[in-house]
Amino acid sequence: MAELLRQGAALTELACPACSSPLVRLKNGDLWCARDEKKVVVVKEGEEPPNVARSTTFDSLEATLMTKVLEIQQKMQKEKDVDQLQKLASTLSGLLDSLERTRKAKKT
């Protein structure tokens, strides 16, 4: 939580419904539980909940793809074998394509 606050998140008066930890509001406006490492959506009585599952799925997929891109990048920096570098570059290209498609799908 301290790292999120250093990055500009704001502590709120709200608590996580799952663990009762204080929620922070990220710069993009999302509520976040630092303890559970999850986005929290508040739905007021009488309101329709947003399509949280779809949004959360795309957010999770995007985070996974970014993690894999970073892993491949680190492997490429250490790799000396040209054949292995080509395989890593091909994998990286596929991951970046998937990341781009995920970001486009998330906007629709």
C-alpha atoms as a PDB file:
ATOM      1  CA  MET A   1       0.000   0.000   0.000  1.00  0.00           C
ATOM      2  CA  ALA A   2       2.843   2.381   0.800  1.00  0.00           C
ATOM      3  CA  GLU A   3       4.230   1.980  -2.709  1.00  0.00           C
ATOM      4  CA  LEU A   4       0.835   2.780  -4.235  1.00  0.00           C
ATOM      5  CA  LEU A   5       0.598   5.917  -2.109  1.00  0.00           C
ATOM      6  CA  ARG A   6       4.088   6.971  -3.207  1.00  0.00           C
ATOM      7  CA  GLN A   7       2.947   6.531  -6.816  1.00  0.00           C
ATOM      8  CA  GLY A   8       0.083   8.969  -6.281  1.00  0.00           C
ATOM      9  CA  ALA A   9      -2.789   6.783  -5.068  1.00  0.00           C
ATOM     10  CA  ALA A  10      -5.087   8.268  -2.438  1.00  0.00           C
ATOM     11  CA  LEU A  11      -6.272   6.512   0.697  1.00  0.00           C
ATOM     12  CA  THR A  12     -10.070   6.362   0.916  1.00  0.00           C
ATOM     13  CA  GLU A  13     -12.525   5.911   3.773  1.00  0.00           C
ATOM     14  CA  LEU A  14     -13.786   2.698   2.130  1.00  0.00           C
ATOM     15  CA  ALA A  15     -12.822  -0.810   3.164  1.00  0.00           C
ATOM     16  CA  CYS A  16     -12.426  -3.932   1.048  1.00  0.00           C
ATOM     17  CA  PRO A  17     -15.560  -6.080   1.281  1.00  0.00           C
ATOM     18  CA  ALA A  18     -13.426  -9.246   1.282  1.00  0.00           C
ATOM     19  CA  CYS A  19     -10.674  -8.450   3.798  1.00  0.00           C
ATOM     20  CA  SER A  20     -11.689  -5.096   5.374  1.00  0.00           C
ATOM     21  CA  SER A  21      -8.364  -3.522   4.389  1.00  0.00           C
ATOM     22  CA  PRO A  22      -8.508   0.193   3.499  1.00  0.00           C
ATOM     23  CA  LEU A  23      -8.989   0.867  -0.209  1.00  0.00           C
ATOM     24  CA  VAL A  24      -6.896   3.271  -2.235  1.00  0.00           C
ATOM     25  CA  ARG A  25      -7.993   5.234  -5.297  1.00  0.00           C
ATOM     26  CA  LEU A  26      -5.470   4.900  -8.108  1.00  0.00           C
ATOM     27  CA  LYS A  27      -4.592   7.777 -10.429  1.00  0.00           C
ATOM     28  CA  ASN A  28      -6.932   6.326 -13.069  1.00  0.00           C
ATOM     29  CA  GLY A  29      -9.835   6.461 -10.583  1.00  0.00           C
ATOM     30  CA  ASP A  30     -10.054   2.741  -9.841  1.00  0.00           C
ATOM     31  CA  LEU A  31     -10.471   1.539  -6.278  1.00  0.00           C
ATOM     32  CA  TRP A  32      -7.798  -0.985  -5.321  1.00  0.00           C
ATOM     33  CA  CYS A  33      -7.272  -3.373  -2.424  1.00  0.00           C
ATOM     34  CA  ALA A  34      -3.517  -3.557  -1.859  1.00  0.00           C
ATOM     35  CA  ARG A  35      -3.837  -6.568   0.424  1.00  0.00           C
ATOM     36  CA  ASP A  36      -5.800  -8.686  -2.073  1.00  0.00           C
ATOM     37  CA  GLU A  37      -4.146  -7.028  -5.081  1.00  0.00           C
ATOM     38  CA  LYS A  38      -7.540  -6.629  -6.759  1.00  0.00           C
ATOM     39  CA  LYS A  39      -9.692  -3.917  -8.230  1.00  0.00           C
ATOM     40  CA  VAL A  40     -12.832  -3.183  -6.197  1.00  0.00           C
ATOM     41  CA  VAL A  41     -16.029  -1.913  -7.794  1.00  0.00           C
ATOM     42  CA  VAL A  42     -18.607  -0.117  -5.654  1.00  0.00           C
ATOM     43  CA  VAL A  43     -22.208  -0.517  -6.801  1.00  0.00           C
ATOM     44  CA  LYS A  44     -24.796   1.649  -5.085  1.00  0.00           C
ATOM     45  CA  GLU A  45     -28.223   0.294  -4.246  1.00  0.00           C
ATOM     46  CA  GLY A  46     -30.507   0.427  -7.270  1.00  0.00           C
ATOM     47  CA  GLU A  47     -27.649   0.745  -9.775  1.00  0.00           C
ATOM     48  CA  GLU A  48     -26.767  -1.879 -12.321  1.00  0.00           C
ATOM     49  CA  PRO A  49     -23.303  -3.335 -11.799  1.00  0.00           C
ATOM     50  CA  PRO A  50     -20.927  -2.689 -14.693  1.00  0.00           C
ATOM     51  CA  ASN A  51     -19.635  -5.589 -16.723  1.00  0.00           C
ATOM     52  CA  VAL A  52     -16.894  -6.165 -14.181  1.00  0.00           C
ATOM     53  CA  ALA A  53     -16.063  -9.719 -15.180  1.00  0.00           C
ATOM     54  CA  ARG A  54     -15.229  -8.717 -18.762  1.00  0.00           C
ATOM     55  CA  SER A  55     -13.163  -5.718 -17.685  1.00  0.00           C
ATOM     56  CA  THR A  56     -11.351  -7.677 -14.992  1.00  0.00           C
ATOM     57  CA  THR A  57     -10.612 -10.509 -17.415  1.00  0.00           C
ATOM     58  CA  PHE A  58      -9.052  -8.143 -19.943  1.00  0.00           C
ATOM     59  CA  ASP A  59      -7.069  -6.358 -17.211  1.00  0.00           C
ATOM     60  CA  SER A  60      -5.754  -9.681 -15.947  1.00  0.00           C
ATOM     61  CA  LEU A  61      -4.895 -10.872 -19.454  1.00  0.00           C
ATOM     62  CA  GLU A  62      -3.096  -7.610 -20.217  1.00  0.00           C
ATOM     63  CA  ALA A  63      -1.063  -7.882 -17.011  1.00  0.00           C
ATOM     64  CA  THR A  64      -0.132 -11.497 -17.794  1.00  0.00           C
ATOM     65  CA  LEU A  65       0.949 -10.614 -21.319  1.00  0.00           C
ATOM     66  CA  MET A  66       3.068  -7.710 -20.053  1.00  0.00           C
ATOM     67  CA  THR A  67       4.743 -10.004 -17.532  1.00  0.00           C
ATOM     68  CA  LYS A  68       5.591 -12.466 -20.279  1.00  0.00           C
ATOM     69  CA  VAL A  69       6.896  -9.694 -22.556  1.00  0.00           C
ATOM     70  CA  LEU A  70       9.254  -8.602 -19.776  1.00  0.00           C
ATOM     71  CA  GLU A  71      10.387 -12.193 -19.176  1.00  0.00           C
ATOM     72  CA  ILE A  72      11.166 -12.665 -22.871  1.00  0.00           C
ATOM     73  CA  GLN A  73      13.004  -9.334 -22.969  1.00  0.00           C
ATOM     74  CA  GLN A  74      15.206 -10.422 -20.062  1.00  0.00           C
ATOM     75  CA  LYS A  75      15.945 -13.763 -21.736  1.00  0.00           C
ATOM     76  CA  MET A  76      16.830 -12.014 -24.989  1.00  0.00           C
ATOM     77  CA  GLN A  77      19.329  -9.748 -23.238  1.00  0.00           C
ATOM     78  CA  LYS A  78      21.229 -12.767 -21.912  1.00  0.00           C
ATOM     79  CA  GLU A  79      20.930 -15.022 -24.971  1.00  0.00           C
ATOM     80  CA  LYS A  80      23.925 -15.494 -27.281  1.00  0.00           C
ATOM     81  CA  ASP A  81      22.598 -18.265 -29.556  1.00  0.00           C
ATOM     82  CA  VAL A  82      21.126 -16.785 -32.755  1.00  0.00           C
ATOM     83  CA  ASP A  83      18.605 -19.598 -33.226  1.00  0.00           C
ATOM     84  CA  GLN A  84      17.331 -19.173 -29.688  1.00  0.00           C
ATOM     85  CA  LEU A  85      17.150 -15.394 -30.204  1.00  0.00           C
ATOM     86  CA  GLN A  86      14.986 -15.946 -33.294  1.00  0.00           C
ATOM     87  CA  LYS A  87      12.636 -18.174 -31.294  1.00  0.00           C
ATOM     88  CA  LEU A  88      12.429 -15.600 -28.525  1.00  0.00           C
ATOM     89  CA  ALA A  89      11.820 -12.800 -31.049  1.00  0.00           C
ATOM     90  CA  SER A  90       9.005 -14.804 -32.640  1.00  0.00           C
ATOM     91  CA  THR A  91       7.451 -15.443 -29.236  1.00  0.00           C
ATOM     92  CA  LEU A  92       7.799 -11.766 -28.357  1.00  0.00           C
ATOM     93  CA  SER A  93       6.116 -10.749 -31.609  1.00  0.00           C
ATOM     94  CA  GLY A  94       3.169 -13.045 -30.861  1.00  0.00           C
ATOM     95  CA  LEU A  95       2.865 -11.687 -27.330  1.00  0.00           C
ATOM     96  CA  LEU A  96       2.906  -8.092 -28.570  1.00  0.00           C
ATOM     97  CA  ASP A  97       0.235  -8.892 -31.168  1.00  0.00           C
ATOM     98  CA  SER A  98      -1.900 -10.480 -28.456  1.00  0.00           C
ATOM     99  CA  LEU A  99      -1.348  -7.489 -26.193  1.00  0.00           C
ATOM    100  CA  GLU A 100      -2.457  -5.102 -28.936  1.00  0.00           C
ATOM    101  CA  ARG A 101      -5.588  -7.178 -29.667  1.00  0.00           C
ATOM    102  CA  THR A 102      -6.392  -7.356 -25.954  1.00  0.00           C
ATOM    103  CA  ARG A 103      -6.123  -3.588 -25.574  1.00  0.00           C
ATOM    104  CA  LYS A 104      -8.351  -3.023 -28.615  1.00  0.00           C
ATOM    105  CA  ALA A 105     -10.941  -5.514 -27.333  1.00  0.00           C
ATOM    106  CA  LYS A 106     -10.911  -3.881 -23.911  1.00  0.00           C
ATOM    107  CA  LYS A 107     -11.907  -0.544 -25.434  1.00  0.00           C
ATOM    108  CA  THR A 108     -14.983  -1.964 -27.169  1.00  0.00           C
END
